[in-house]
Amino acid sequence: VSSAFFPIFWEHRIGNRMSVGISGTGFFISSTGYFITAEHVINGIPKGAQIIYGGNIPDSVLPQPLTMQEIFRDAESDIFIGQINIQNQPYFTISEQCPRIGTSICLCGYPLAQMSGHQDGIIDVNAVRKYYQPTFVIDYITSVNEGRTHDGFMTQHTSLNGMSGGPVFGIDGQALGMDVATFGRRILIPDSPQIIVNNGIVQGVGRLRQAIKRSGVRI
């Protein structure tokens, strides 16, 4: 699992000035560099910026980042599939079934990463760390958020900024979905202050498998 997901870096040059950041998380779905992430992660990078792969941060850092090639995107399903020129890459097997309510699962990604500079094509990743959040499935859900349909399940815990597009996996290490959004609920209790509960939303394996099939990628 640890070697199969990574931060989505972007770099943007204006004149002699270079800026770099992290827009979310992606994960490999084949040994030949095919990966998947949320479409809003890619759509959210600055206009004119290039998405790049810096390695299995923080365990290994490439001396020079690799560019990512777009293979397929579906804004309505919030799914982006790309490829990096890399071989023999550990990857996630995508489950064929949605987990049952109450199943223990884990969110993961690269939240709240701090970038401290970019010189000569080298990314400073000293403040970029992997994060794991154990949680469980609390219900199934289909929601539409800003024109994007998320059809999967809700989690007890939410993800943090930077974890969108990351894998949600079970105790067997298979991907059970993709982290995509936070859902806020207001619970009204008579004669008591209202309670606001935030839960995570996961794009289910059904949508992921449909997108992979449409892309023509073989996994």
N, C-alpha and C. Protein backbone atom coordinates (compact mmCIF):
# COMPACT_ATOMS: atom_id res chain seq x y z
N VAL A 1 0.82 -1.20 0.00
CA VAL A 1 0.00 0.00 0.00
C VAL A 1 0.86 1.26 0.00
N SER A 2 1.86 1.29 0.86
CA SER A 2 2.67 2.50 1.03
C SER A 2 3.36 2.94 -0.25
N SER A 3 3.73 1.99 -1.09
CA SER A 3 4.46 2.33 -2.32
C SER A 3 3.55 2.60 -3.51
N ALA A 4 2.23 2.49 -3.31
CA ALA A 4 1.30 2.55 -4.44
C ALA A 4 0.51 3.84 -4.53
N PHE A 5 0.72 4.80 -3.63
CA PHE A 5 0.06 6.10 -3.77
C PHE A 5 1.09 7.21 -3.62
N PHE A 6 0.75 8.39 -4.12
CA PHE A 6 1.74 9.45 -4.26
C PHE A 6 1.06 10.81 -4.33
N PRO A 7 1.81 11.89 -4.06
CA PRO A 7 1.23 13.23 -4.19
C PRO A 7 1.20 13.70 -5.64
N ILE A 8 0.15 14.42 -6.00
CA ILE A 8 0.05 15.04 -7.32
C ILE A 8 0.68 16.43 -7.24
N PHE A 9 1.91 16.55 -7.74
CA PHE A 9 2.59 17.84 -7.78
C PHE A 9 2.21 18.61 -9.04
N TRP A 10 2.27 19.91 -8.93
CA TRP A 10 2.19 20.76 -10.12
C TRP A 10 3.32 21.78 -10.08
N GLU A 11 3.77 22.17 -11.25
CA GLU A 11 4.76 23.24 -11.34
C GLU A 11 4.31 24.24 -12.40
N HIS A 12 4.57 25.50 -12.12
CA HIS A 12 4.08 26.57 -12.98
C HIS A 12 5.18 27.61 -13.14
N ARG A 13 5.52 27.90 -14.38
CA ARG A 13 6.58 28.88 -14.64
C ARG A 13 5.98 30.13 -15.30
N ILE A 14 6.29 31.27 -14.72
CA ILE A 14 5.94 32.56 -15.31
C ILE A 14 7.23 33.35 -15.42
N GLY A 15 7.72 33.50 -16.63
CA GLY A 15 9.02 34.14 -16.82
C GLY A 15 10.11 33.30 -16.19
N ASN A 16 10.90 33.92 -15.31
CA ASN A 16 11.97 33.20 -14.61
C ASN A 16 11.52 32.68 -13.26
N ARG A 17 10.27 32.86 -12.94
CA ARG A 17 9.76 32.45 -11.63
C ARG A 17 9.05 31.11 -11.74
N MET A 18 9.43 30.18 -10.86
CA MET A 18 8.82 28.85 -10.83
C MET A 18 8.12 28.65 -9.49
N SER A 19 6.86 28.22 -9.54
CA SER A 19 6.14 27.87 -8.32
C SER A 19 5.73 26.41 -8.40
N VAL A 20 5.56 25.79 -7.23
CA VAL A 20 5.23 24.37 -7.17
C VAL A 20 4.28 24.13 -6.01
N GLY A 21 3.42 23.13 -6.14
CA GLY A 21 2.47 22.81 -5.07
C GLY A 21 1.96 21.40 -5.21
N ILE A 22 1.10 21.00 -4.28
CA ILE A 22 0.44 19.70 -4.31
C ILE A 22 -1.06 19.93 -4.35
N SER A 23 -1.72 19.31 -5.31
CA SER A 23 -3.16 19.51 -5.46
C SER A 23 -3.98 18.35 -4.91
N GLY A 24 -3.35 17.21 -4.64
CA GLY A 24 -4.09 16.06 -4.14
C GLY A 24 -3.23 14.82 -4.15
N THR A 25 -3.89 13.68 -4.23
CA THR A 25 -3.23 12.38 -4.14
C THR A 25 -3.68 11.51 -5.31
N GLY A 26 -2.80 10.65 -5.78
CA GLY A 26 -3.14 9.68 -6.81
C GLY A 26 -2.67 8.30 -6.39
N PHE A 27 -3.14 7.27 -7.08
CA PHE A 27 -2.66 5.92 -6.77
C PHE A 27 -2.58 5.08 -8.04
N PHE A 28 -1.59 4.20 -8.06
CA PHE A 28 -1.33 3.36 -9.23
C PHE A 28 -2.33 2.21 -9.30
N ILE A 29 -2.74 1.89 -10.55
CA ILE A 29 -3.68 0.79 -10.77
C ILE A 29 -3.07 -0.28 -11.68
N SER A 30 -1.80 -0.11 -12.03
CA SER A 30 -1.10 -1.12 -12.82
C SER A 30 0.39 -0.98 -12.56
N SER A 31 1.14 -2.02 -12.94
CA SER A 31 2.60 -2.00 -12.75
C SER A 31 3.30 -1.16 -13.81
N THR A 32 2.56 -0.72 -14.81
CA THR A 32 3.15 0.03 -15.92
C THR A 32 2.87 1.53 -15.84
N GLY A 33 2.57 2.03 -14.65
CA GLY A 33 2.48 3.47 -14.44
C GLY A 33 1.13 4.10 -14.62
N TYR A 34 0.09 3.32 -14.91
CA TYR A 34 -1.26 3.91 -14.98
C TYR A 34 -1.73 4.23 -13.57
N PHE A 35 -2.35 5.40 -13.42
CA PHE A 35 -2.82 5.83 -12.11
C PHE A 35 -4.18 6.48 -12.23
N ILE A 36 -4.82 6.65 -11.08
CA ILE A 36 -6.14 7.26 -11.03
C ILE A 36 -6.16 8.29 -9.91
N THR A 37 -6.92 9.35 -10.10
CA THR A 37 -7.11 10.37 -9.08
C THR A 37 -8.46 11.03 -9.35
N ALA A 38 -8.82 11.99 -8.50
CA ALA A 38 -10.07 12.72 -8.71
C ALA A 38 -9.86 13.79 -9.79
N GLU A 39 -10.85 13.95 -10.66
CA GLU A 39 -10.73 14.93 -11.73
C GLU A 39 -10.60 16.34 -11.18
N HIS A 40 -11.26 16.61 -10.05
CA HIS A 40 -11.17 17.96 -9.50
C HIS A 40 -9.78 18.29 -8.98
N VAL A 41 -8.99 17.25 -8.67
CA VAL A 41 -7.59 17.47 -8.28
C VAL A 41 -6.80 18.05 -9.45
N ILE A 42 -7.01 17.50 -10.64
CA ILE A 42 -6.31 17.99 -11.83
C ILE A 42 -6.89 19.31 -12.30
N ASN A 43 -8.19 19.44 -12.25
CA ASN A 43 -8.86 20.66 -12.70
C ASN A 43 -8.52 21.85 -11.81
N GLY A 44 -8.10 21.57 -10.57
CA GLY A 44 -7.84 22.64 -9.61
C GLY A 44 -6.44 23.22 -9.66
N ILE A 45 -5.56 22.69 -10.50
CA ILE A 45 -4.21 23.25 -10.56
C ILE A 45 -4.24 24.57 -11.32
N PRO A 46 -3.25 25.45 -11.10
CA PRO A 46 -3.24 26.73 -11.80
C PRO A 46 -3.23 26.56 -13.31
N LYS A 47 -3.88 27.47 -14.00
CA LYS A 47 -3.91 27.42 -15.45
C LYS A 47 -2.50 27.53 -16.01
N GLY A 48 -2.17 26.63 -16.92
CA GLY A 48 -0.84 26.63 -17.52
C GLY A 48 0.18 25.81 -16.77
N ALA A 49 -0.21 25.26 -15.61
CA ALA A 49 0.73 24.45 -14.83
C ALA A 49 0.82 23.04 -15.39
N GLN A 50 1.90 22.36 -15.07
CA GLN A 50 2.15 20.99 -15.51
C GLN A 50 2.08 20.07 -14.30
N ILE A 51 1.40 18.91 -14.45
CA ILE A 51 1.36 17.96 -13.35
C ILE A 51 2.57 17.03 -13.47
N ILE A 52 3.20 16.76 -12.32
CA ILE A 52 4.44 15.98 -12.33
C ILE A 52 4.43 14.97 -11.19
N TYR A 53 5.27 13.95 -11.36
CA TYR A 53 5.45 12.88 -10.38
C TYR A 53 6.83 13.00 -9.78
N GLY A 54 6.89 13.14 -8.45
CA GLY A 54 8.17 13.33 -7.77
C GLY A 54 8.71 12.11 -7.08
N GLY A 55 7.93 11.01 -7.10
CA GLY A 55 8.39 9.78 -6.46
C GLY A 55 7.48 9.34 -5.34
N ASN A 56 7.89 8.29 -4.64
CA ASN A 56 7.14 7.75 -3.51
C ASN A 56 7.53 8.52 -2.25
N ILE A 57 7.01 9.72 -2.15
CA ILE A 57 7.37 10.64 -1.08
C ILE A 57 6.83 10.13 0.27
N PRO A 58 7.59 10.22 1.37
CA PRO A 58 8.97 10.71 1.48
C PRO A 58 10.02 9.60 1.39
N ASP A 59 9.59 8.37 1.08
CA ASP A 59 10.51 7.23 1.10
C ASP A 59 11.55 7.31 -0.01
N SER A 60 11.15 7.80 -1.17
CA SER A 60 12.10 7.96 -2.28
C SER A 60 11.70 9.18 -3.10
N VAL A 61 12.70 9.93 -3.52
CA VAL A 61 12.48 11.16 -4.28
C VAL A 61 13.26 11.07 -5.59
N LEU A 62 12.58 11.30 -6.70
CA LEU A 62 13.27 11.26 -7.99
C LEU A 62 14.20 12.46 -8.13
N PRO A 63 15.39 12.27 -8.69
CA PRO A 63 16.30 13.41 -8.90
C PRO A 63 15.71 14.44 -9.85
N GLN A 64 14.91 13.98 -10.81
CA GLN A 64 14.18 14.88 -11.70
C GLN A 64 12.75 14.37 -11.83
N PRO A 65 11.75 15.23 -11.60
CA PRO A 65 10.35 14.79 -11.69
C PRO A 65 10.00 14.30 -13.09
N LEU A 66 9.01 13.41 -13.15
CA LEU A 66 8.49 12.90 -14.42
C LEU A 66 7.16 13.57 -14.72
N THR A 67 6.90 13.82 -15.99
CA THR A 67 5.62 14.39 -16.38
C THR A 67 4.56 13.29 -16.43
N MET A 68 3.31 13.69 -16.26
CA MET A 68 2.18 12.78 -16.30
C MET A 68 1.40 12.98 -17.59
N GLN A 69 1.04 11.89 -18.23
CA GLN A 69 0.26 11.94 -19.46
C GLN A 69 -1.21 11.67 -19.17
N GLU A 70 -2.08 12.52 -19.68
CA GLU A 70 -3.52 12.29 -19.52
C GLU A 70 -3.99 11.18 -20.45
N ILE A 71 -4.73 10.21 -19.90
CA ILE A 71 -5.30 9.12 -20.67
C ILE A 71 -6.81 9.27 -20.80
N PHE A 72 -7.45 9.69 -19.71
CA PHE A 72 -8.92 9.73 -19.69
C PHE A 72 -9.36 10.65 -18.56
N ARG A 73 -10.44 11.39 -18.81
CA ARG A 73 -11.05 12.14 -17.71
C ARG A 73 -12.56 12.19 -17.90
N ASP A 74 -13.25 12.18 -16.77
CA ASP A 74 -14.71 12.26 -16.74
C ASP A 74 -15.08 13.19 -15.60
N ALA A 75 -15.35 14.45 -15.92
CA ALA A 75 -15.65 15.44 -14.89
C ALA A 75 -16.91 15.08 -14.13
N GLU A 76 -17.90 14.51 -14.81
CA GLU A 76 -19.17 14.19 -14.15
C GLU A 76 -18.98 13.13 -13.07
N SER A 77 -18.12 12.16 -13.32
CA SER A 77 -17.83 11.12 -12.33
C SER A 77 -16.64 11.48 -11.45
N ASP A 78 -16.01 12.62 -11.73
CA ASP A 78 -14.87 13.09 -10.93
C ASP A 78 -13.71 12.09 -10.95
N ILE A 79 -13.38 11.60 -12.14
CA ILE A 79 -12.32 10.59 -12.28
C ILE A 79 -11.35 11.01 -13.37
N PHE A 80 -10.07 10.91 -13.06
CA PHE A 80 -8.99 11.20 -14.01
C PHE A 80 -8.04 10.01 -14.02
N ILE A 81 -7.68 9.54 -15.21
CA ILE A 81 -6.72 8.45 -15.36
C ILE A 81 -5.54 8.96 -16.18
N GLY A 82 -4.35 8.71 -15.69
CA GLY A 82 -3.15 9.14 -16.39
C GLY A 82 -2.09 8.05 -16.39
N GLN A 83 -0.95 8.37 -16.96
CA GLN A 83 0.16 7.42 -16.98
C GLN A 83 1.48 8.14 -16.78
N ILE A 84 2.36 7.49 -16.03
CA ILE A 84 3.72 7.96 -15.80
C ILE A 84 4.66 6.93 -16.40
N ASN A 85 5.74 7.39 -16.99
CA ASN A 85 6.70 6.47 -17.63
C ASN A 85 7.53 5.77 -16.56
N ILE A 86 6.96 4.71 -16.01
CA ILE A 86 7.59 3.97 -14.92
C ILE A 86 7.17 2.51 -15.04
N GLN A 87 8.06 1.60 -14.69
CA GLN A 87 7.79 0.17 -14.81
C GLN A 87 7.96 -0.53 -13.46
N ASN A 88 7.38 -1.73 -13.36
CA ASN A 88 7.49 -2.55 -12.15
C ASN A 88 7.05 -1.79 -10.90
N GLN A 89 5.99 -1.03 -11.06
CA GLN A 89 5.48 -0.19 -9.99
C GLN A 89 4.46 -0.95 -9.14
N PRO A 90 4.62 -0.98 -7.81
CA PRO A 90 3.55 -1.53 -6.96
C PRO A 90 2.24 -0.78 -7.20
N TYR A 91 1.13 -1.49 -7.13
CA TYR A 91 -0.15 -0.87 -7.46
C TYR A 91 -1.27 -1.49 -6.63
N PHE A 92 -2.41 -0.81 -6.65
CA PHE A 92 -3.61 -1.30 -5.97
C PHE A 92 -4.43 -2.16 -6.91
N THR A 93 -4.89 -3.29 -6.40
CA THR A 93 -5.94 -4.05 -7.06
C THR A 93 -7.27 -3.46 -6.65
N ILE A 94 -8.12 -3.17 -7.61
CA ILE A 94 -9.42 -2.57 -7.31
C ILE A 94 -10.43 -3.68 -7.05
N SER A 95 -11.06 -3.62 -5.90
CA SER A 95 -12.03 -4.63 -5.52
C SER A 95 -13.20 -4.65 -6.50
N GLU A 96 -13.82 -5.79 -6.63
CA GLU A 96 -14.99 -5.91 -7.50
C GLU A 96 -16.29 -5.67 -6.74
N GLN A 97 -16.21 -5.51 -5.43
CA GLN A 97 -17.41 -5.33 -4.62
C GLN A 97 -17.28 -4.13 -3.70
N CYS A 98 -18.41 -3.46 -3.48
CA CYS A 98 -18.47 -2.36 -2.53
C CYS A 98 -18.47 -2.94 -1.11
N PRO A 99 -17.76 -2.33 -0.17
CA PRO A 99 -17.74 -2.86 1.19
C PRO A 99 -19.08 -2.73 1.89
N ARG A 100 -19.34 -3.61 2.82
CA ARG A 100 -20.57 -3.55 3.60
C ARG A 100 -20.51 -2.44 4.63
N ILE A 101 -21.68 -1.96 5.03
CA ILE A 101 -21.75 -0.97 6.10
C ILE A 101 -21.14 -1.57 7.36
N GLY A 102 -20.29 -0.80 8.02
CA GLY A 102 -19.60 -1.26 9.21
C GLY A 102 -18.21 -1.80 8.96
N THR A 103 -17.82 -1.95 7.68
CA THR A 103 -16.50 -2.48 7.34
C THR A 103 -15.40 -1.51 7.75
N SER A 104 -14.34 -2.03 8.35
CA SER A 104 -13.17 -1.21 8.69
C SER A 104 -12.36 -0.94 7.43
N ILE A 105 -12.02 0.32 7.22
CA ILE A 105 -11.27 0.73 6.03
C ILE A 105 -10.25 1.78 6.45
N CYS A 106 -9.48 2.27 5.49
CA CYS A 106 -8.48 3.29 5.79
C CYS A 106 -8.40 4.30 4.65
N LEU A 107 -8.41 5.58 5.01
CA LEU A 107 -8.15 6.67 4.08
C LEU A 107 -6.65 6.96 4.09
N CYS A 108 -6.12 7.48 3.00
CA CYS A 108 -4.70 7.85 3.01
C CYS A 108 -4.45 8.93 1.97
N GLY A 109 -3.35 9.63 2.15
CA GLY A 109 -3.01 10.69 1.22
C GLY A 109 -1.92 11.59 1.75
N TYR A 110 -1.87 12.78 1.18
CA TYR A 110 -0.83 13.76 1.52
C TYR A 110 -1.48 15.09 1.92
N PRO A 111 -1.99 15.19 3.14
CA PRO A 111 -2.70 16.40 3.53
C PRO A 111 -1.78 17.52 4.00
N LEU A 112 -2.22 18.74 3.76
CA LEU A 112 -1.60 19.93 4.34
C LEU A 112 -0.10 19.99 4.10
N ALA A 113 0.34 19.59 2.91
CA ALA A 113 1.77 19.58 2.60
C ALA A 113 2.30 21.01 2.49
N GLN A 114 3.49 21.23 3.01
CA GLN A 114 4.14 22.53 2.96
C GLN A 114 5.31 22.48 1.98
N MET A 115 5.24 23.29 0.94
CA MET A 115 6.30 23.35 -0.06
C MET A 115 7.17 24.57 0.23
N SER A 116 8.49 24.36 0.27
CA SER A 116 9.39 25.45 0.67
C SER A 116 10.31 25.92 -0.45
N GLY A 117 10.04 25.51 -1.68
CA GLY A 117 10.86 26.05 -2.75
C GLY A 117 11.05 25.07 -3.88
N HIS A 118 11.56 25.57 -4.98
CA HIS A 118 11.76 24.75 -6.17
C HIS A 118 12.93 25.35 -6.94
N GLN A 119 14.06 24.65 -6.98
CA GLN A 119 15.24 25.16 -7.67
C GLN A 119 15.83 24.08 -8.57
N ASP A 120 16.16 24.45 -9.80
CA ASP A 120 16.82 23.53 -10.73
C ASP A 120 16.06 22.23 -10.93
N GLY A 121 14.72 22.29 -10.85
CA GLY A 121 13.91 21.11 -11.08
C GLY A 121 13.82 20.17 -9.90
N ILE A 122 14.40 20.53 -8.76
CA ILE A 122 14.38 19.66 -7.58
C ILE A 122 13.29 20.13 -6.63
N ILE A 123 12.43 19.21 -6.20
CA ILE A 123 11.33 19.54 -5.30
C ILE A 123 11.76 19.30 -3.87
N ASP A 124 11.59 20.30 -3.01
CA ASP A 124 11.88 20.15 -1.59
C ASP A 124 10.66 19.53 -0.92
N VAL A 125 10.80 18.29 -0.44
CA VAL A 125 9.66 17.57 0.13
C VAL A 125 9.85 17.29 1.62
N ASN A 126 10.66 18.11 2.29
CA ASN A 126 10.93 17.88 3.71
C ASN A 126 9.66 17.92 4.56
N ALA A 127 8.68 18.71 4.13
CA ALA A 127 7.44 18.85 4.90
C ALA A 127 6.27 18.15 4.23
N VAL A 128 6.55 17.14 3.39
CA VAL A 128 5.50 16.37 2.73
C VAL A 128 5.48 14.97 3.34
N ARG A 129 4.37 14.59 3.95
CA ARG A 129 4.30 13.33 4.66
C ARG A 129 3.02 12.57 4.31
N LYS A 130 3.14 11.24 4.33
CA LYS A 130 1.96 10.39 4.15
C LYS A 130 1.12 10.40 5.42
N TYR A 131 -0.19 10.23 5.21
CA TYR A 131 -1.11 10.22 6.34
C TYR A 131 -2.11 9.09 6.15
N TYR A 132 -2.38 8.38 7.23
CA TYR A 132 -3.36 7.29 7.21
C TYR A 132 -4.44 7.58 8.25
N GLN A 133 -5.70 7.38 7.87
CA GLN A 133 -6.82 7.60 8.79
C GLN A 133 -7.72 6.37 8.80
N PRO A 134 -7.57 5.50 9.81
CA PRO A 134 -8.50 4.37 9.93
C PRO A 134 -9.92 4.88 10.17
N THR A 135 -10.89 4.25 9.57
CA THR A 135 -12.29 4.64 9.75
C THR A 135 -13.17 3.45 9.36
N PHE A 136 -14.45 3.69 9.15
CA PHE A 136 -15.34 2.60 8.73
C PHE A 136 -16.48 3.14 7.89
N VAL A 137 -17.12 2.25 7.16
CA VAL A 137 -18.24 2.61 6.29
C VAL A 137 -19.49 2.79 7.14
N ILE A 138 -20.16 3.95 7.00
CA ILE A 138 -21.37 4.17 7.80
C ILE A 138 -22.65 4.12 6.98
N ASP A 139 -22.56 4.32 5.66
CA ASP A 139 -23.78 4.26 4.84
C ASP A 139 -23.38 4.36 3.37
N TYR A 140 -24.30 3.99 2.50
CA TYR A 140 -24.13 4.18 1.06
C TYR A 140 -24.72 5.53 0.67
N ILE A 141 -24.18 6.13 -0.37
CA ILE A 141 -24.65 7.46 -0.74
C ILE A 141 -24.41 7.71 -2.23
N THR A 142 -25.34 8.46 -2.83
CA THR A 142 -25.13 9.05 -4.15
C THR A 142 -25.39 10.54 -4.00
N SER A 143 -24.40 11.35 -4.31
CA SER A 143 -24.54 12.80 -4.14
C SER A 143 -24.03 13.52 -5.37
N VAL A 144 -24.55 14.72 -5.59
CA VAL A 144 -24.11 15.57 -6.69
C VAL A 144 -23.56 16.85 -6.09
N ASN A 145 -22.31 17.13 -6.36
CA ASN A 145 -21.64 18.30 -5.81
C ASN A 145 -20.96 19.07 -6.94
N GLU A 146 -21.48 20.26 -7.24
CA GLU A 146 -20.95 21.10 -8.32
C GLU A 146 -20.87 20.34 -9.64
N GLY A 147 -21.93 19.57 -9.93
CA GLY A 147 -22.01 18.85 -11.18
C GLY A 147 -21.29 17.52 -11.21
N ARG A 148 -20.67 17.13 -10.12
CA ARG A 148 -19.94 15.87 -10.04
C ARG A 148 -20.76 14.86 -9.25
N THR A 149 -20.96 13.69 -9.82
CA THR A 149 -21.74 12.65 -9.17
C THR A 149 -20.81 11.68 -8.46
N HIS A 150 -21.01 11.55 -7.16
CA HIS A 150 -20.24 10.61 -6.34
C HIS A 150 -21.17 9.50 -5.90
N ASP A 151 -20.87 8.30 -6.32
CA ASP A 151 -21.75 7.15 -6.11
C ASP A 151 -20.96 6.06 -5.39
N GLY A 152 -21.07 6.07 -4.06
CA GLY A 152 -20.27 5.12 -3.29
C GLY A 152 -20.76 5.00 -1.87
N PHE A 153 -19.92 5.43 -0.93
CA PHE A 153 -20.29 5.29 0.48
C PHE A 153 -19.72 6.43 1.32
N MET A 154 -20.28 6.57 2.52
CA MET A 154 -19.82 7.57 3.48
C MET A 154 -18.91 6.91 4.50
N THR A 155 -17.95 7.69 5.00
CA THR A 155 -17.05 7.22 6.04
C THR A 155 -17.24 8.04 7.31
N GLN A 156 -16.94 7.43 8.44
CA GLN A 156 -17.08 8.13 9.71
C GLN A 156 -16.17 9.36 9.78
N HIS A 157 -14.94 9.22 9.30
CA HIS A 157 -13.98 10.32 9.33
C HIS A 157 -13.88 10.97 7.95
N THR A 158 -13.50 12.23 7.95
CA THR A 158 -13.30 12.95 6.70
C THR A 158 -11.82 12.98 6.34
N SER A 159 -11.54 13.29 5.10
CA SER A 159 -10.16 13.51 4.69
C SER A 159 -9.80 14.97 4.90
N LEU A 160 -8.52 15.25 4.83
CA LEU A 160 -8.02 16.61 4.95
C LEU A 160 -7.63 17.13 3.57
N ASN A 161 -7.45 18.44 3.46
CA ASN A 161 -7.04 19.03 2.18
C ASN A 161 -5.76 18.36 1.69
N GLY A 162 -5.77 17.93 0.44
CA GLY A 162 -4.62 17.24 -0.13
C GLY A 162 -4.80 15.75 -0.25
N MET A 163 -5.86 15.21 0.37
CA MET A 163 -6.10 13.77 0.32
C MET A 163 -7.08 13.37 -0.78
N SER A 164 -7.72 14.34 -1.42
CA SER A 164 -8.65 14.02 -2.51
C SER A 164 -7.93 13.25 -3.61
N GLY A 165 -8.60 12.22 -4.12
CA GLY A 165 -8.00 11.38 -5.14
C GLY A 165 -7.24 10.20 -4.60
N GLY A 166 -7.08 10.15 -3.29
CA GLY A 166 -6.34 9.05 -2.68
C GLY A 166 -7.16 7.78 -2.58
N PRO A 167 -6.50 6.64 -2.43
CA PRO A 167 -7.21 5.37 -2.33
C PRO A 167 -7.82 5.17 -0.96
N VAL A 168 -8.94 4.47 -0.94
CA VAL A 168 -9.55 3.99 0.30
C VAL A 168 -9.45 2.48 0.24
N PHE A 169 -8.78 1.87 1.21
CA PHE A 169 -8.50 0.45 1.10
C PHE A 169 -8.95 -0.32 2.34
N GLY A 170 -9.12 -1.63 2.15
CA GLY A 170 -9.55 -2.50 3.23
C GLY A 170 -8.39 -3.23 3.86
N ILE A 171 -8.70 -4.14 4.78
CA ILE A 171 -7.65 -4.83 5.52
C ILE A 171 -6.86 -5.79 4.64
N ASP A 172 -7.38 -6.13 3.47
CA ASP A 172 -6.64 -6.98 2.54
C ASP A 172 -5.79 -6.18 1.56
N GLY A 173 -5.82 -4.85 1.68
CA GLY A 173 -5.01 -3.99 0.83
C GLY A 173 -5.63 -3.64 -0.50
N GLN A 174 -6.82 -4.16 -0.81
CA GLN A 174 -7.47 -3.81 -2.07
C GLN A 174 -8.13 -2.44 -1.97
N ALA A 175 -8.13 -1.71 -3.10
CA ALA A 175 -8.80 -0.42 -3.15
C ALA A 175 -10.31 -0.63 -3.19
N LEU A 176 -11.00 0.03 -2.28
CA LEU A 176 -12.46 -0.06 -2.18
C LEU A 176 -13.15 1.19 -2.72
N GLY A 177 -12.35 2.16 -3.14
CA GLY A 177 -12.90 3.40 -3.66
C GLY A 177 -11.84 4.48 -3.66
N MET A 178 -12.29 5.70 -3.94
CA MET A 178 -11.40 6.86 -4.01
C MET A 178 -11.97 8.01 -3.20
N ASP A 179 -11.15 8.62 -2.39
CA ASP A 179 -11.55 9.73 -1.54
C ASP A 179 -11.88 10.94 -2.40
N VAL A 180 -13.09 11.52 -2.24
CA VAL A 180 -13.47 12.61 -3.14
C VAL A 180 -14.05 13.85 -2.46
N ALA A 181 -14.70 13.72 -1.29
CA ALA A 181 -15.39 14.90 -0.77
C ALA A 181 -15.71 14.74 0.72
N THR A 182 -16.16 15.86 1.29
CA THR A 182 -16.65 15.89 2.67
C THR A 182 -18.12 16.27 2.65
N PHE A 183 -18.89 15.61 3.48
CA PHE A 183 -20.34 15.83 3.54
C PHE A 183 -20.71 16.29 4.94
N GLY A 184 -21.30 17.49 5.03
CA GLY A 184 -21.71 18.03 6.33
C GLY A 184 -23.19 17.83 6.57
N ARG A 185 -23.52 17.33 7.75
CA ARG A 185 -24.93 17.11 8.12
C ARG A 185 -25.25 17.89 9.39
N ARG A 186 -26.45 18.44 9.42
CA ARG A 186 -26.93 19.12 10.62
C ARG A 186 -27.98 18.25 11.29
N ILE A 187 -27.74 17.92 12.53
CA ILE A 187 -28.67 17.07 13.29
C ILE A 187 -29.40 17.95 14.30
N LEU A 188 -30.71 18.03 14.14
CA LEU A 188 -31.54 18.86 15.01
C LEU A 188 -32.09 18.03 16.16
N ILE A 189 -31.86 18.50 17.37
CA ILE A 189 -32.35 17.84 18.57
C ILE A 189 -33.26 18.82 19.32
N PRO A 190 -34.49 18.44 19.61
CA PRO A 190 -35.41 19.36 20.30
C PRO A 190 -34.81 19.89 21.60
N ASP A 191 -34.94 21.19 21.79
CA ASP A 191 -34.49 21.87 23.01
C ASP A 191 -32.99 21.74 23.24
N SER A 192 -32.22 21.53 22.17
CA SER A 192 -30.76 21.43 22.29
C SER A 192 -30.12 22.10 21.08
N PRO A 193 -28.88 22.54 21.22
CA PRO A 193 -28.19 23.12 20.07
C PRO A 193 -28.02 22.08 18.96
N GLN A 194 -28.09 22.54 17.72
CA GLN A 194 -27.91 21.61 16.61
C GLN A 194 -26.47 21.08 16.58
N ILE A 195 -26.32 19.89 16.07
CA ILE A 195 -25.01 19.25 15.96
C ILE A 195 -24.64 19.15 14.49
N ILE A 196 -23.43 19.60 14.16
CA ILE A 196 -22.93 19.49 12.80
C ILE A 196 -21.93 18.33 12.74
N VAL A 197 -22.21 17.38 11.86
CA VAL A 197 -21.36 16.19 11.71
C VAL A 197 -20.79 16.18 10.30
N ASN A 198 -19.48 16.05 10.19
CA ASN A 198 -18.83 15.94 8.89
C ASN A 198 -18.39 14.51 8.64
N ASN A 199 -18.74 14.00 7.48
CA ASN A 199 -18.34 12.65 7.07
C ASN A 199 -17.64 12.70 5.73
N GLY A 200 -16.89 11.66 5.42
CA GLY A 200 -16.22 11.58 4.13
C GLY A 200 -17.09 10.91 3.09
N ILE A 201 -16.87 11.24 1.83
CA ILE A 201 -17.56 10.60 0.71
C ILE A 201 -16.52 9.92 -0.18
N VAL A 202 -16.79 8.68 -0.53
CA VAL A 202 -15.88 7.88 -1.34
C VAL A 202 -16.55 7.52 -2.66
N GLN A 203 -15.86 7.76 -3.76
CA GLN A 203 -16.35 7.29 -5.06
C GLN A 203 -16.15 5.77 -5.11
N GLY A 204 -17.23 5.05 -5.37
CA GLY A 204 -17.21 3.60 -5.28
C GLY A 204 -16.49 2.91 -6.43
N VAL A 205 -16.22 1.62 -6.23
CA VAL A 205 -15.48 0.85 -7.23
C VAL A 205 -16.27 0.67 -8.52
N GLY A 206 -17.59 0.74 -8.46
CA GLY A 206 -18.38 0.63 -9.68
C GLY A 206 -18.04 1.73 -10.67
N ARG A 207 -18.01 2.97 -10.19
CA ARG A 207 -17.66 4.11 -11.05
C ARG A 207 -16.20 4.02 -11.51
N LEU A 208 -15.31 3.60 -10.60
CA LEU A 208 -13.90 3.50 -10.98
C LEU A 208 -13.70 2.47 -12.08
N ARG A 209 -14.33 1.31 -11.93
CA ARG A 209 -14.17 0.26 -12.94
C ARG A 209 -14.79 0.67 -14.28
N GLN A 210 -15.91 1.38 -14.24
CA GLN A 210 -16.52 1.86 -15.48
C GLN A 210 -15.57 2.81 -16.21
N ALA A 211 -14.94 3.72 -15.45
CA ALA A 211 -14.03 4.68 -16.06
C ALA A 211 -12.81 3.98 -16.66
N ILE A 212 -12.27 3.01 -15.93
CA ILE A 212 -11.10 2.28 -16.44
C ILE A 212 -11.45 1.54 -17.72
N LYS A 213 -12.62 0.93 -17.76
CA LYS A 213 -13.06 0.22 -18.96
C LYS A 213 -13.20 1.18 -20.13
N ARG A 214 -13.80 2.33 -19.90
CA ARG A 214 -13.99 3.32 -20.96
C ARG A 214 -12.66 3.89 -21.45
N SER A 215 -11.68 3.94 -20.57
CA SER A 215 -10.38 4.51 -20.94
C SER A 215 -9.58 3.58 -21.84
N GLY A 216 -9.92 2.29 -21.82
CA GLY A 216 -9.16 1.31 -22.59
C GLY A 216 -7.94 0.78 -21.88
N VAL A 217 -7.72 1.22 -20.64
CA VAL A 217 -6.57 0.74 -19.86
C VAL A 217 -6.85 -0.67 -19.36
N ARG A 218 -5.89 -1.54 -19.50
CA ARG A 218 -6.02 -2.91 -19.01
C ARG A 218 -5.31 -3.05 -17.67
N ILE A 219 -6.04 -3.58 -16.69
CA ILE A 219 -5.45 -3.77 -15.37
C ILE A 219 -5.59 -5.23 -14.95
